[in-house]
Amino acid sequence: MATTSIDPRDLRHAFGRFGTGVTVVTTRNDEGEAHGATVSAFTSVSLDPPLAQVTLMRESKLSTYVAGQPFAINIMSAAQQATCLHFAGKPMTDGPVWGASATGVPVLAGNAATLECRPWAVYDGGDHLIVVGEVVALEITPGAPLLFFGGKFHHLGGLVGGAPWDFCGDGHLTQFTSVPQFAAV
């Protein structure tokens, strides 16, 4: 039931103005086979406990499989466009390359990062389900992420202005520096 007079096409276009990373969420179907779908609605939720969320179309097969069982959020690398398209309904000739999992949930090979999750909570999100998972294992690679903006795939460009924090070589936050000031437009 529509609650406003917002045109869904305009809303989709407005949402598309927000650049995102691309993930493929994977789990097992009712027969125990690997199943997945390309998902750009991914968000970190909490560091303690370690939680991440994906938003899935309510009518998708994936939403019926993932709600009560372990799943992986495969954060796609720039080299995985064909894999993303495979899980978006444009099958690859040879299928995707599967990787090793710490927990037994199906994961893809070649990801920028992989988060293996156990179910935490599922929330109503209108025509979508908001699925929160507790991250129980992860893998990070040096690969650049695949990005999505305006209905098209993109890759990282140049650095715009740095970050207001510094990291030491092991990836831990070491120092908070001053935030650059921006002029009002």
Protein backbone atom coordinates (compact mmCIF):
# COMPACT_ATOMS: atom_id res chain seq x y z
CA MET A 1 0.00 0.00 0.00
CA ALA A 2 1.51 3.32 -1.12
CA THR A 3 1.60 5.97 1.58
CA THR A 4 2.77 8.93 -0.54
CA SER A 5 2.51 10.20 -4.07
CA ILE A 6 6.24 9.76 -4.73
CA ASP A 7 6.82 8.17 -8.14
CA PRO A 8 8.76 4.91 -7.54
CA ARG A 9 10.94 5.56 -10.63
CA ASP A 10 11.93 8.99 -9.30
CA LEU A 11 12.66 7.52 -5.88
CA ARG A 12 14.80 4.77 -7.42
CA HIS A 13 16.70 7.42 -9.39
CA ALA A 14 17.21 9.53 -6.25
CA PHE A 15 18.46 6.46 -4.33
CA GLY A 16 20.84 5.79 -7.25
CA ARG A 17 22.56 9.13 -6.62
CA PHE A 18 24.11 7.58 -3.51
CA GLY A 19 27.24 5.65 -4.43
CA THR A 20 27.58 2.25 -2.75
CA GLY A 21 29.77 -0.76 -2.71
CA VAL A 22 28.46 -4.01 -4.17
CA THR A 23 27.96 -7.24 -2.27
CA VAL A 24 26.76 -10.71 -3.05
CA VAL A 25 24.96 -12.28 -0.11
CA THR A 26 25.32 -16.06 -0.06
CA THR A 27 23.79 -18.87 1.96
CA ARG A 28 22.38 -22.35 1.35
CA ASN A 29 18.97 -23.07 -0.12
CA ASP A 30 16.54 -25.69 1.20
CA GLU A 31 18.47 -28.43 -0.64
CA GLY A 32 21.79 -27.34 0.91
CA GLU A 33 23.12 -25.83 -2.32
CA ALA A 34 24.90 -22.48 -2.45
CA HIS A 35 22.56 -19.61 -3.32
CA GLY A 36 23.17 -15.88 -3.56
CA ALA A 37 22.03 -12.52 -4.83
CA THR A 38 23.71 -9.22 -5.67
CA VAL A 39 22.88 -6.62 -3.03
CA SER A 40 23.98 -2.98 -2.83
CA ALA A 41 22.03 -2.22 0.37
CA PHE A 42 24.70 -3.12 2.93
CA THR A 43 25.56 -1.29 6.13
CA SER A 44 27.83 -1.76 9.10
CA VAL A 45 25.72 -1.67 12.27
CA SER A 46 27.88 -2.21 15.34
CA LEU A 47 31.46 -3.00 16.35
CA ASP A 48 30.44 -4.47 19.71
CA PRO A 49 28.76 -6.82 19.10
CA PRO A 50 30.02 -7.04 15.50
CA LEU A 51 26.87 -6.57 13.39
CA ALA A 52 26.22 -5.90 9.70
CA GLN A 53 22.98 -5.60 7.77
CA VAL A 54 21.74 -6.22 4.27
CA THR A 55 18.38 -5.25 2.85
CA LEU A 56 16.75 -7.90 0.66
CA MET A 57 13.70 -7.78 -1.57
CA ARG A 58 10.95 -9.49 0.38
CA GLU A 59 9.91 -11.55 -2.66
CA SER A 60 13.43 -12.82 -3.43
CA LYS A 61 14.38 -16.45 -2.94
CA LEU A 62 17.37 -15.28 -0.90
CA SER A 63 15.15 -13.62 1.71
CA THR A 64 13.43 -16.94 2.37
CA TYR A 65 16.76 -18.75 2.83
CA VAL A 66 18.81 -16.23 4.78
CA ALA A 67 16.41 -15.17 7.55
CA GLY A 68 17.15 -18.07 9.90
CA GLN A 69 20.52 -19.44 8.87
CA PRO A 70 24.16 -18.39 8.47
CA PHE A 71 25.04 -16.22 5.50
CA ALA A 72 28.03 -14.40 4.03
CA ILE A 73 28.32 -10.85 2.83
CA ASN A 74 30.85 -10.99 0.00
CA ILE A 75 32.12 -7.45 -0.60
CA MET A 76 32.94 -7.49 -4.28
CA SER A 77 36.31 -6.48 -5.68
CA ALA A 78 36.67 -4.39 -8.83
CA ALA A 79 37.58 -7.59 -10.72
CA GLN A 80 34.25 -9.28 -9.92
CA GLN A 81 31.76 -7.48 -12.16
CA ALA A 82 30.86 -10.71 -14.00
CA THR A 83 30.23 -12.42 -10.64
CA CYS A 84 27.91 -9.59 -9.58
CA LEU A 85 25.98 -9.88 -12.83
CA HIS A 86 25.79 -13.66 -12.38
CA PHE A 87 23.98 -13.23 -9.06
CA ALA A 88 21.81 -10.46 -10.56
CA GLY A 89 20.34 -12.84 -13.16
CA LYS A 90 22.93 -12.83 -15.98
CA PRO A 91 24.61 -16.24 -15.49
CA MET A 92 28.30 -16.74 -16.17
CA THR A 93 29.17 -19.57 -18.55
CA ASP A 94 31.34 -21.38 -16.02
CA GLY A 95 29.61 -20.10 -12.89
CA PRO A 96 31.24 -18.24 -9.99
CA VAL A 97 34.45 -19.25 -8.25
CA TRP A 98 33.81 -20.36 -4.67
CA GLY A 99 36.30 -19.79 -1.88
CA ALA A 100 37.16 -21.29 1.49
CA SER A 101 34.90 -20.55 4.44
CA ALA A 102 35.76 -20.44 8.13
CA THR A 103 32.21 -21.42 9.14
CA GLY A 104 30.91 -23.60 6.31
CA VAL A 105 28.70 -20.94 4.73
CA PRO A 106 29.27 -20.56 0.95
CA VAL A 107 31.69 -17.70 0.16
CA LEU A 108 33.02 -16.40 -3.13
CA ALA A 109 36.71 -16.26 -4.09
CA GLY A 110 38.39 -12.97 -4.97
CA ASN A 111 36.36 -10.65 -2.71
CA ALA A 112 37.66 -7.34 -1.37
CA ALA A 113 36.37 -8.59 1.99
CA THR A 114 34.12 -11.36 3.28
CA LEU A 115 31.92 -11.27 6.38
CA GLU A 116 30.53 -14.59 7.59
CA CYS A 117 27.46 -14.04 9.74
CA ARG A 118 25.03 -15.89 11.93
CA PRO A 119 21.44 -14.61 12.11
CA TRP A 120 20.86 -11.79 14.60
CA ALA A 121 17.50 -10.19 13.67
CA VAL A 122 15.14 -9.58 10.75
CA TYR A 123 13.03 -6.43 10.53
CA ASP A 124 10.17 -5.34 8.31
CA GLY A 125 11.32 -2.90 5.66
CA GLY A 126 8.21 -2.48 3.50
CA ASP A 127 8.82 -4.39 0.27
CA HIS A 128 12.21 -5.42 1.69
CA LEU A 129 13.51 -7.30 4.74
CA ILE A 130 16.28 -5.79 6.83
CA VAL A 131 18.52 -8.70 7.80
CA VAL A 132 21.11 -8.16 10.55
CA GLY A 133 23.86 -10.70 11.05
CA GLU A 134 26.49 -11.11 13.73
CA VAL A 135 29.90 -11.26 12.08
CA VAL A 136 31.64 -14.42 13.31
CA ALA A 137 34.50 -14.59 10.78
CA LEU A 138 36.00 -12.24 8.25
CA GLU A 139 38.65 -11.99 5.58
CA ILE A 140 40.09 -8.78 4.15
CA THR A 141 42.17 -8.61 0.96
CA PRO A 142 44.05 -5.71 -0.61
CA GLY A 143 41.73 -5.76 -3.65
CA ALA A 144 39.93 -2.53 -4.56
CA PRO A 145 36.15 -2.66 -4.14
CA LEU A 146 33.58 -2.60 -6.92
CA LEU A 147 31.32 0.44 -6.67
CA PHE A 148 27.81 1.19 -7.94
CA PHE A 149 26.43 4.63 -8.80
CA GLY A 150 23.64 5.81 -11.08
CA GLY A 151 22.80 2.27 -12.20
CA LYS A 152 26.36 1.51 -13.34
CA PHE A 153 29.48 -0.13 -11.95
CA HIS A 154 32.45 2.08 -11.06
CA HIS A 155 35.91 1.79 -9.50
CA LEU A 156 37.71 3.93 -6.94
CA GLY A 157 39.02 7.23 -8.21
CA GLY A 158 41.51 9.55 -6.61
CA LEU A 159 41.56 10.62 -3.00
CA VAL A 160 39.41 13.73 -2.48
CA GLY A 161 40.98 15.17 0.63
CA GLY A 162 42.16 12.58 3.06
CA ALA A 163 40.59 11.43 6.28
CA PRO A 164 40.35 13.03 9.71
CA TRP A 165 42.04 10.04 11.33
CA ASP A 166 45.27 8.12 10.94
CA PHE A 167 45.87 4.39 10.99
CA CYS A 168 48.97 2.50 11.95
CA GLY A 169 50.27 -0.28 9.73
CA ASP A 170 48.12 -2.95 11.40
CA GLY A 171 44.87 -1.13 10.54
CA HIS A 172 44.09 0.17 14.04
CA LEU A 173 43.12 3.78 14.70
CA THR A 174 46.05 5.57 16.31
CA GLN A 175 45.36 9.27 16.30
CA PHE A 176 42.49 11.64 15.68
CA THR A 177 43.62 14.71 13.77
CA SER A 178 41.78 17.90 13.00
CA VAL A 179 38.96 17.70 10.52
CA PRO A 180 39.46 19.83 7.40
CA GLN A 181 37.20 22.88 7.28
CA PHE A 182 35.03 23.32 4.21
CA ALA A 183 33.76 26.67 3.01
CA ALA A 184 30.01 27.15 2.93
CA VAL A 185 28.59 27.18 -0.56
